[in-house]
C-alpha atoms as a PDB file:
ATOM      1  CA  MET A   1     -39.886  22.675  43.916  1.00  0.00           C
ATOM      2  CA  VAL A   2     -42.723  21.002  45.856  1.00  0.00           C
ATOM      3  CA  ARG A   3     -45.714  20.746  43.907  1.00  0.00           C
ATOM      4  CA  ARG A   4     -49.127  20.939  45.538  1.00  0.00           C
ATOM      5  CA  GLY A   5     -51.143  18.104  45.638  1.00  0.00           C
ATOM      6  CA  VAL A   6     -48.407  15.565  45.787  1.00  0.00           C
ATOM      7  CA  ARG A   7     -49.532  12.726  47.843  1.00  0.00           C
ATOM      8  CA  PRO A   8     -47.997   9.408  48.682  1.00  0.00           C
ATOM      9  CA  VAL A   9     -48.874   6.172  46.836  1.00  0.00           C
ATOM     10  CA  GLY A  10     -48.773   2.785  48.172  1.00  0.00           C
ATOM     11  CA  ARG A  11     -46.214   0.438  46.133  1.00  0.00           C
ATOM     12  CA  ASP A  12     -49.352  -1.707  46.004  1.00  0.00           C
ATOM     13  CA  ALA A  13     -51.457   0.493  44.418  1.00  0.00           C
ATOM     14  CA  ALA A  14     -50.525  -0.384  41.030  1.00  0.00           C
ATOM     15  CA  GLY A  15     -52.319  -3.663  41.618  1.00  0.00           C
ATOM     16  CA  LEU A  16     -55.791  -2.066  41.455  1.00  0.00           C
ATOM     17  CA  ALA A  17     -55.915  -2.333  37.760  1.00  0.00           C
ATOM     18  CA  GLY A  18     -54.687  -5.856  37.194  1.00  0.00           C
ATOM     19  CA  GLY A  19     -52.763  -7.396  39.779  1.00  0.00           C
ATOM     20  CA  GLY A  20     -49.179  -8.158  39.798  1.00  0.00           C
ATOM     21  CA  GLY A  21     -48.121  -4.539  40.530  1.00  0.00           C
ATOM     22  CA  ALA A  22     -46.470  -2.396  37.387  1.00  0.00           C
ATOM     23  CA  ALA A  23     -46.188  -5.380  35.364  1.00  0.00           C
ATOM     24  CA  GLY A  24     -49.785  -6.045  35.766  1.00  0.00           C
ATOM     25  CA  VAL A  25     -50.981  -2.702  34.889  1.00  0.00           C
ATOM     26  CA  ARG A  26     -49.081  -2.754  31.886  1.00  0.00           C
ATOM     27  CA  ASP A  27     -50.647  -6.172  30.773  1.00  0.00           C
ATOM     28  CA  ALA A  28     -54.048  -4.761  31.486  1.00  0.00           C
ATOM     29  CA  ALA A  29     -53.718  -1.470  29.398  1.00  0.00           C
ATOM     30  CA  HIS A  30     -53.187  -4.045  26.250  1.00  0.00           C
ATOM     31  CA  ALA A  31     -55.765  -6.289  27.032  1.00  0.00           C
ATOM     32  CA  THR A  32     -58.852  -6.921  25.067  1.00  0.00           C
ATOM     33  CA  GLY A  33     -62.497  -8.308  25.804  1.00  0.00           C
ATOM     34  CA  ALA A  34     -63.579  -8.489  29.190  1.00  0.00           C
ATOM     35  CA  ASP A  35     -60.079  -7.689  30.668  1.00  0.00           C
ATOM     36  CA  ALA A  36     -59.736  -4.365  28.662  1.00  0.00           C
ATOM     37  CA  PRO A  37     -58.673  -1.255  30.404  1.00  0.00           C
ATOM     38  CA  ARG A  38     -61.346   1.011  31.576  1.00  0.00           C
ATOM     39  CA  TRP A  39     -59.774   4.277  30.423  1.00  0.00           C
ATOM     40  CA  ASP A  40     -63.002   6.027  31.188  1.00  0.00           C
ATOM     41  CA  SER A  41     -62.455   5.064  34.966  1.00  0.00           C
ATOM     42  CA  VAL A  42     -60.987   7.418  37.572  1.00  0.00           C
ATOM     43  CA  GLU A  43     -59.855   4.411  39.521  1.00  0.00           C
ATOM     44  CA  TYR A  44     -58.280   2.609  36.788  1.00  0.00           C
ATOM     45  CA  TRP A  45     -56.230   5.866  35.939  1.00  0.00           C
ATOM     46  CA  ARG A  46     -55.244   6.093  39.619  1.00  0.00           C
ATOM     47  CA  ALA A  47     -53.636   2.814  39.348  1.00  0.00           C
ATOM     48  CA  TYR A  48     -52.123   2.879  36.089  1.00  0.00           C
ATOM     49  CA  LEU A  49     -50.420   6.538  36.734  1.00  0.00           C
ATOM     50  CA  ALA A  50     -49.154   4.830  40.315  1.00  0.00           C
ATOM     51  CA  SER A  51     -47.787   2.081  38.232  1.00  0.00           C
ATOM     52  CA  TYR A  52     -46.009   4.571  35.746  1.00  0.00           C
ATOM     53  CA  SER A  53     -44.870   6.749  38.631  1.00  0.00           C
ATOM     54  CA  ILE A  54     -42.875   3.800  39.949  1.00  0.00           C
ATOM     55  CA  ASP A  55     -41.272   3.015  36.520  1.00  0.00           C
ATOM     56  CA  VAL A  56     -40.384   6.540  35.650  1.00  0.00           C
ATOM     57  CA  LEU A  57     -38.832   7.383  39.159  1.00  0.00           C
ATOM     58  CA  ARG A  58     -36.648   4.025  38.996  1.00  0.00           C
ATOM     59  CA  ALA A  59     -35.578   4.993  35.571  1.00  0.00           C
ATOM     60  CA  TYR A  60     -34.773   8.408  36.780  1.00  0.00           C
ATOM     61  CA  GLU A  61     -33.347   7.468  40.137  1.00  0.00           C
ATOM     62  CA  ASN A  62     -29.821   9.126  39.483  1.00  0.00           C
ATOM     63  CA  ASP A  63     -30.682  11.639  37.098  1.00  0.00           C
ATOM     64  CA  ASP A  64     -31.185  15.143  38.424  1.00  0.00           C
ATOM     65  CA  TRP A  65     -31.627  16.677  34.917  1.00  0.00           C
ATOM     66  CA  GLN A  66     -35.271  15.360  34.711  1.00  0.00           C
ATOM     67  CA  ARG A  67     -36.795  17.756  36.848  1.00  0.00           C
ATOM     68  CA  ILE A  68     -38.010  15.371  39.452  1.00  0.00           C
ATOM     69  CA  SER A  69     -38.680  17.154  42.895  1.00  0.00           C
ATOM     70  CA  ASP A  70     -37.700  15.445  46.311  1.00  0.00           C
ATOM     71  CA  ALA A  71     -41.213  15.503  47.277  1.00  0.00           C
ATOM     72  CA  GLN A  72     -42.091  13.538  44.148  1.00  0.00           C
ATOM     73  CA  ARG A  73     -39.439  11.074  44.948  1.00  0.00           C
ATOM     74  CA  ALA A  74     -40.364  10.770  48.520  1.00  0.00           C
ATOM     75  CA  ALA A  75     -44.328  10.280  47.314  1.00  0.00           C
ATOM     76  CA  GLY A  76     -43.261   7.794  44.823  1.00  0.00           C
ATOM     77  CA  TRP A  77     -45.935   9.597  42.935  1.00  0.00           C
ATOM     78  CA  LEU A  78     -45.516  12.113  39.885  1.00  0.00           C
ATOM     79  CA  GLY A  79     -49.089  13.165  39.843  1.00  0.00           C
ATOM     80  CA  CYS A  80     -51.415  15.741  41.947  1.00  0.00           C
ATOM     81  CA  ALA A  81     -54.688  15.588  43.506  1.00  0.00           C
ATOM     82  CA  GLY A  82     -57.391  14.609  41.321  1.00  0.00           C
ATOM     83  CA  ALA A  83     -59.737  17.367  39.869  1.00  0.00           C
ATOM     84  CA  THR A  84     -63.111  17.420  41.511  1.00  0.00           C
ATOM     85  CA  GLU A  85     -66.437  17.453  39.537  1.00  0.00           C
ATOM     86  CA  GLU A  86     -66.848  21.169  40.132  1.00  0.00           C
ATOM     87  CA  GLN A  87     -63.485  21.784  38.579  1.00  0.00           C
ATOM     88  CA  LEU A  88     -64.135  19.516  35.569  1.00  0.00           C
ATOM     89  CA  ALA A  89     -67.472  21.061  35.105  1.00  0.00           C
ATOM     90  CA  ALA A  90     -66.137  24.635  35.385  1.00  0.00           C
ATOM     91  CA  THR A  91     -63.192  23.617  32.830  1.00  0.00           C
ATOM     92  CA  GLU A  92     -66.075  22.349  30.443  1.00  0.00           C
ATOM     93  CA  GLU A  93     -68.000  25.594  30.777  1.00  0.00           C
ATOM     94  CA  ARG A  94     -65.104  27.559  29.943  1.00  0.00           C
ATOM     95  CA  LEU A  95     -64.148  25.399  27.077  1.00  0.00           C
ATOM     96  CA  GLY A  96     -67.845  25.279  25.840  1.00  0.00           C
ATOM     97  CA  THR A  97     -67.471  21.322  25.523  1.00  0.00           C
ATOM     98  CA  ARG A  98     -67.539  18.237  27.444  1.00  0.00           C
ATOM     99  CA  LEU A  99     -64.165  16.565  27.651  1.00  0.00           C
ATOM    100  CA  PRO A 100     -63.599  13.398  26.199  1.00  0.00           C
ATOM    101  CA  PRO A 101     -64.011  10.330  28.501  1.00  0.00           C
ATOM    102  CA  SER A 102     -60.355   9.207  28.985  1.00  0.00           C
ATOM    103  CA  TYR A 103     -58.839  12.596  29.400  1.00  0.00           C
ATOM    104  CA  ARG A 104     -61.773  13.678  31.733  1.00  0.00           C
ATOM    105  CA  ALA A 105     -61.138  10.540  33.759  1.00  0.00           C
ATOM    106  CA  PHE A 106     -57.379  11.192  33.779  1.00  0.00           C
ATOM    107  CA  LEU A 107     -57.977  14.425  35.145  1.00  0.00           C
ATOM    108  CA  GLY A 108     -60.151  13.065  38.003  1.00  0.00           C
ATOM    109  CA  ALA A 109     -57.318  10.690  38.759  1.00  0.00           C
ATOM    110  CA  SER A 110     -54.400  13.365  38.545  1.00  0.00           C
ATOM    111  CA  ASN A 111     -55.079  17.054  37.974  1.00  0.00           C
ATOM    112  CA  GLY A 112     -51.692  17.504  36.299  1.00  0.00           C
ATOM    113  CA  PHE A 113     -48.861  15.112  35.814  1.00  0.00           C
ATOM    114  CA  SER A 114     -45.018  15.052  35.396  1.00  0.00           C
ATOM    115  CA  HIS A 115     -43.191  12.845  32.886  1.00  0.00           C
ATOM    116  CA  LEU A 116     -46.279  11.423  31.060  1.00  0.00           C
ATOM    117  CA  GLY A 117     -44.050  10.902  28.052  1.00  0.00           C
ATOM    118  CA  PRO A 118     -40.250  10.922  27.416  1.00  0.00           C
ATOM    119  CA  PHE A 119     -40.341  14.311  26.223  1.00  0.00           C
ATOM    120  CA  LEU A 120     -43.143  15.897  28.351  1.00  0.00           C
ATOM    121  CA  TYR A 121     -42.148  17.135  31.472  1.00  0.00           C
ATOM    122  CA  GLU A 122     -45.711  18.634  32.513  1.00  0.00           C
ATOM    123  CA  MET A 123     -49.291  18.136  31.795  1.00  0.00           C
ATOM    124  CA  ARG A 124     -51.889  21.323  31.878  1.00  0.00           C
ATOM    125  CA  THR A 125     -54.584  21.130  34.802  1.00  0.00           C
ATOM    126  CA  THR A 126     -58.069  21.986  34.771  1.00  0.00           C
ATOM    127  CA  ARG A 127     -57.266  25.572  35.084  1.00  0.00           C
ATOM    128  CA  SER A 128     -54.596  25.952  32.226  1.00  0.00           C
ATOM    129  CA  VAL A 129     -56.244  23.717  29.654  1.00  0.00           C
ATOM    130  CA  GLY A 130     -57.337  25.268  26.638  1.00  0.00           C
ATOM    131  CA  TRP A 131     -57.541  25.730  22.705  1.00  0.00           C
ATOM    132  CA  LEU A 132     -54.037  25.987  21.351  1.00  0.00           C
ATOM    133  CA  ARG A 133     -55.164  29.574  19.446  1.00  0.00           C
ATOM    134  CA  GLU A 134     -55.852  30.967  22.882  1.00  0.00           C
ATOM    135  CA  ALA A 135     -53.398  29.016  25.404  1.00  0.00           C
ATOM    136  CA  GLU A 136     -50.329  29.674  23.105  1.00  0.00           C
ATOM    137  CA  PRO A 137     -51.065  32.144  20.423  1.00  0.00           C
ATOM    138  CA  SER A 138     -47.631  32.647  19.161  1.00  0.00           C
ATOM    139  CA  THR A 139     -46.967  29.006  18.766  1.00  0.00           C
ATOM    140  CA  TRP A 140     -50.263  28.649  17.071  1.00  0.00           C
ATOM    141  CA  GLU A 141     -49.515  31.060  14.431  1.00  0.00           C
ATOM    142  CA  ILE A 142     -46.532  29.367  13.565  1.00  0.00           C
ATOM    143  CA  ILE A 143     -47.694  25.654  13.165  1.00  0.00           C
ATOM    144  CA  ARG A 144     -50.894  26.416  11.406  1.00  0.00           C
ATOM    145  CA  GLN A 145     -49.115  27.655   8.402  1.00  0.00           C
ATOM    146  CA  GLY A 146     -48.455  24.119   7.005  1.00  0.00           C
ATOM    147  CA  GLY A 147     -51.250  24.459   4.527  1.00  0.00           C
ATOM    148  CA  PRO A 148     -55.237  24.710   4.662  1.00  0.00           C
ATOM    149  CA  GLU A 149     -55.715  21.345   6.203  1.00  0.00           C
ATOM    150  CA  GLU A 150     -53.105  21.841   9.016  1.00  0.00           C
ATOM    151  CA  ALA A 151     -54.409  25.272   9.785  1.00  0.00           C
ATOM    152  CA  ALA A 152     -57.765  24.203  10.201  1.00  0.00           C
ATOM    153  CA  TYR A 153     -56.568  21.306  12.508  1.00  0.00           C
ATOM    154  CA  MET A 154     -54.648  23.869  14.684  1.00  0.00           C
ATOM    155  CA  ASP A 155     -57.365  26.286  14.933  1.00  0.00           C
ATOM    156  CA  ARG A 156     -59.877  23.662  16.752  1.00  0.00           C
ATOM    157  CA  VAL A 157     -57.644  21.599  18.827  1.00  0.00           C
ATOM    158  CA  LEU A 158     -57.158  21.537  22.480  1.00  0.00           C
ATOM    159  CA  LEU A 159     -54.007  21.853  24.122  1.00  0.00           C
ATOM    160  CA  ILE A 160     -53.349  19.571  27.001  1.00  0.00           C
ATOM    161  CA  SER A 161     -49.388  19.569  27.237  1.00  0.00           C
ATOM    162  CA  ASP A 162     -47.624  22.191  29.284  1.00  0.00           C
ATOM    163  CA  VAL A 163     -43.733  22.101  29.716  1.00  0.00           C
ATOM    164  CA  ALA A 164     -42.070  19.944  27.126  1.00  0.00           C
ATOM    165  CA  ASP A 165     -38.956  19.653  24.725  1.00  0.00           C
ATOM    166  CA  ALA A 166     -40.712  21.393  21.859  1.00  0.00           C
ATOM    167  CA  GLN A 167     -43.719  19.436  21.516  1.00  0.00           C
ATOM    168  CA  TYR A 168     -47.610  19.832  22.081  1.00  0.00           C
ATOM    169  CA  TRP A 169     -50.065  17.229  22.883  1.00  0.00           C
ATOM    170  CA  LEU A 170     -53.260  18.024  21.176  1.00  0.00           C
ATOM    171  CA  LEU A 171     -56.934  16.622  21.133  1.00  0.00           C
ATOM    172  CA  ASP A 172     -58.921  17.303  18.147  1.00  0.00           C
ATOM    173  CA  PRO A 173     -62.775  17.851  18.888  1.00  0.00           C
ATOM    174  CA  GLY A 174     -63.469  17.511  14.969  1.00  0.00           C
ATOM    175  CA  ASP A 175     -62.394  13.734  15.149  1.00  0.00           C
ATOM    176  CA  VAL A 176     -64.592  12.165  17.529  1.00  0.00           C
ATOM    177  CA  SER A 177     -65.258   8.518  18.007  1.00  0.00           C
ATOM    178  CA  PRO A 178     -68.734   6.729  18.513  1.00  0.00           C
ATOM    179  CA  GLY A 179     -67.815   6.703  22.231  1.00  0.00           C
ATOM    180  CA  GLY A 180     -67.043  10.423  22.495  1.00  0.00           C
ATOM    181  CA  GLU A 181     -63.065   9.945  22.410  1.00  0.00           C
ATOM    182  CA  TRP A 182     -61.325  12.930  20.459  1.00  0.00           C
ATOM    183  CA  ALA A 183     -58.420  11.717  18.397  1.00  0.00           C
ATOM    184  CA  ALA A 184     -54.958  12.805  19.767  1.00  0.00           C
ATOM    185  CA  ASN A 185     -51.688  13.878  18.275  1.00  0.00           C
ATOM    186  CA  ILE A 186     -48.409  15.463  18.870  1.00  0.00           C
ATOM    187  CA  TRP A 187     -46.709  18.267  17.167  1.00  0.00           C
ATOM    188  CA  ALA A 188     -43.099  18.858  17.741  1.00  0.00           C
ATOM    189  CA  SER A 189     -40.590  21.317  16.329  1.00  0.00           C
ATOM    190  CA  TRP A 190     -38.058  18.425  15.669  1.00  0.00           C
ATOM    191  CA  TYR A 191     -40.165  16.435  13.020  1.00  0.00           C
ATOM    192  CA  PRO A 192     -41.925  17.640  10.378  1.00  0.00           C
ATOM    193  CA  GLY A 193     -45.807  17.969  10.733  1.00  0.00           C
ATOM    194  CA  LEU A 194     -47.947  15.868  13.067  1.00  0.00           C
ATOM    195  CA  ARG A 195     -46.952  12.476  14.340  1.00  0.00           C
ATOM    196  CA  GLU A 196     -49.398   9.223  13.757  1.00  0.00           C
ATOM    197  CA  ARG A 197     -52.940   9.983  14.717  1.00  0.00           C
ATOM    198  CA  ARG A 198     -54.161   8.159  17.876  1.00  0.00           C
ATOM    199  CA  ALA A 199     -57.883   7.092  18.488  1.00  0.00           C
ATOM    200  CA  SER A 200     -57.879   8.865  21.929  1.00  0.00           C
ATOM    201  CA  PHE A 201     -55.964  10.483  24.794  1.00  0.00           C
ATOM    202  CA  ALA A 202     -55.736   7.041  26.261  1.00  0.00           C
ATOM    203  CA  ALA A 203     -54.009   5.493  23.315  1.00  0.00           C
ATOM    204  CA  LEU A 204     -51.632   8.214  23.185  1.00  0.00           C
ATOM    205  CA  VAL A 205     -50.513   7.861  26.761  1.00  0.00           C
ATOM    206  CA  ALA A 206     -50.272   4.097  26.123  1.00  0.00           C
ATOM    207  CA  ASP A 207     -48.203   4.881  23.307  1.00  0.00           C
ATOM    208  CA  GLU A 208     -45.778   7.141  24.849  1.00  0.00           C
ATOM    209  CA  ARG A 209     -45.377   4.918  27.804  1.00  0.00           C
ATOM    210  CA  ARG A 210     -44.259   2.173  25.383  1.00  0.00           C
ATOM    211  CA  SER A 211     -41.751   4.729  23.839  1.00  0.00           C
ATOM    212  CA  PHE A 212     -40.612   5.501  27.583  1.00  0.00           C
ATOM    213  CA  GLU A 213     -39.802   1.945  27.980  1.00  0.00           C
ATOM    214  CA  GLN A 214     -38.053   1.323  24.864  1.00  0.00           C
ATOM    215  CA  LEU A 215     -35.858   4.387  25.550  1.00  0.00           C
ATOM    216  CA  ARG A 216     -35.231   3.160  29.082  1.00  0.00           C
ATOM    217  CA  ASP A 217     -34.426  -0.615  27.971  1.00  0.00           C
ATOM    218  CA  ASP A 218     -32.081   0.622  24.926  1.00  0.00           C
ATOM    219  CA  GLY A 219     -30.423   3.120  27.569  1.00  0.00           C
END
């Protein structure tokens, strides 16, 4: 399958966010103070995702099961063209809310992405992201049955993942930081309830990258 918007990314693109290629971006992702990552920056996300793409493609170089297309392998890039401001504004109008900063910047860098986590194969785009109750009503009906608190949570969350191994990436507009970030979480059928709350979409991505690296190194 050839994905629309696949474009080549130079191997030195990863250095944009911290120098030293992929390792530099990983180090920058966990820095603090003046060197802290700019998760609200489209340019930072482009560099971070370029580095992540290289790592994933190397790990799955001989693994056809991972649904990576020939076009993605040739480009060295698992993302798409970034969303335009018009696309982002249209999505926010449809949803009736402004998107949190780190997720908005991510979409601006890549409007869709493959393998953002070990068990997540495709992210939703500006056209398909939606409230869980509307985007996946049958799933919503099932997973909101954990009690009143969980039902209220599932009734309000935004679904941002698409194709995955029975898991759903969720952003919570009812749990917002002073900087406008929405708390993030994952629900999956293969463990009970929600996983540990993350403070933002960016924090969730960073944690899932660490999980990918641990699985890669242990394998």
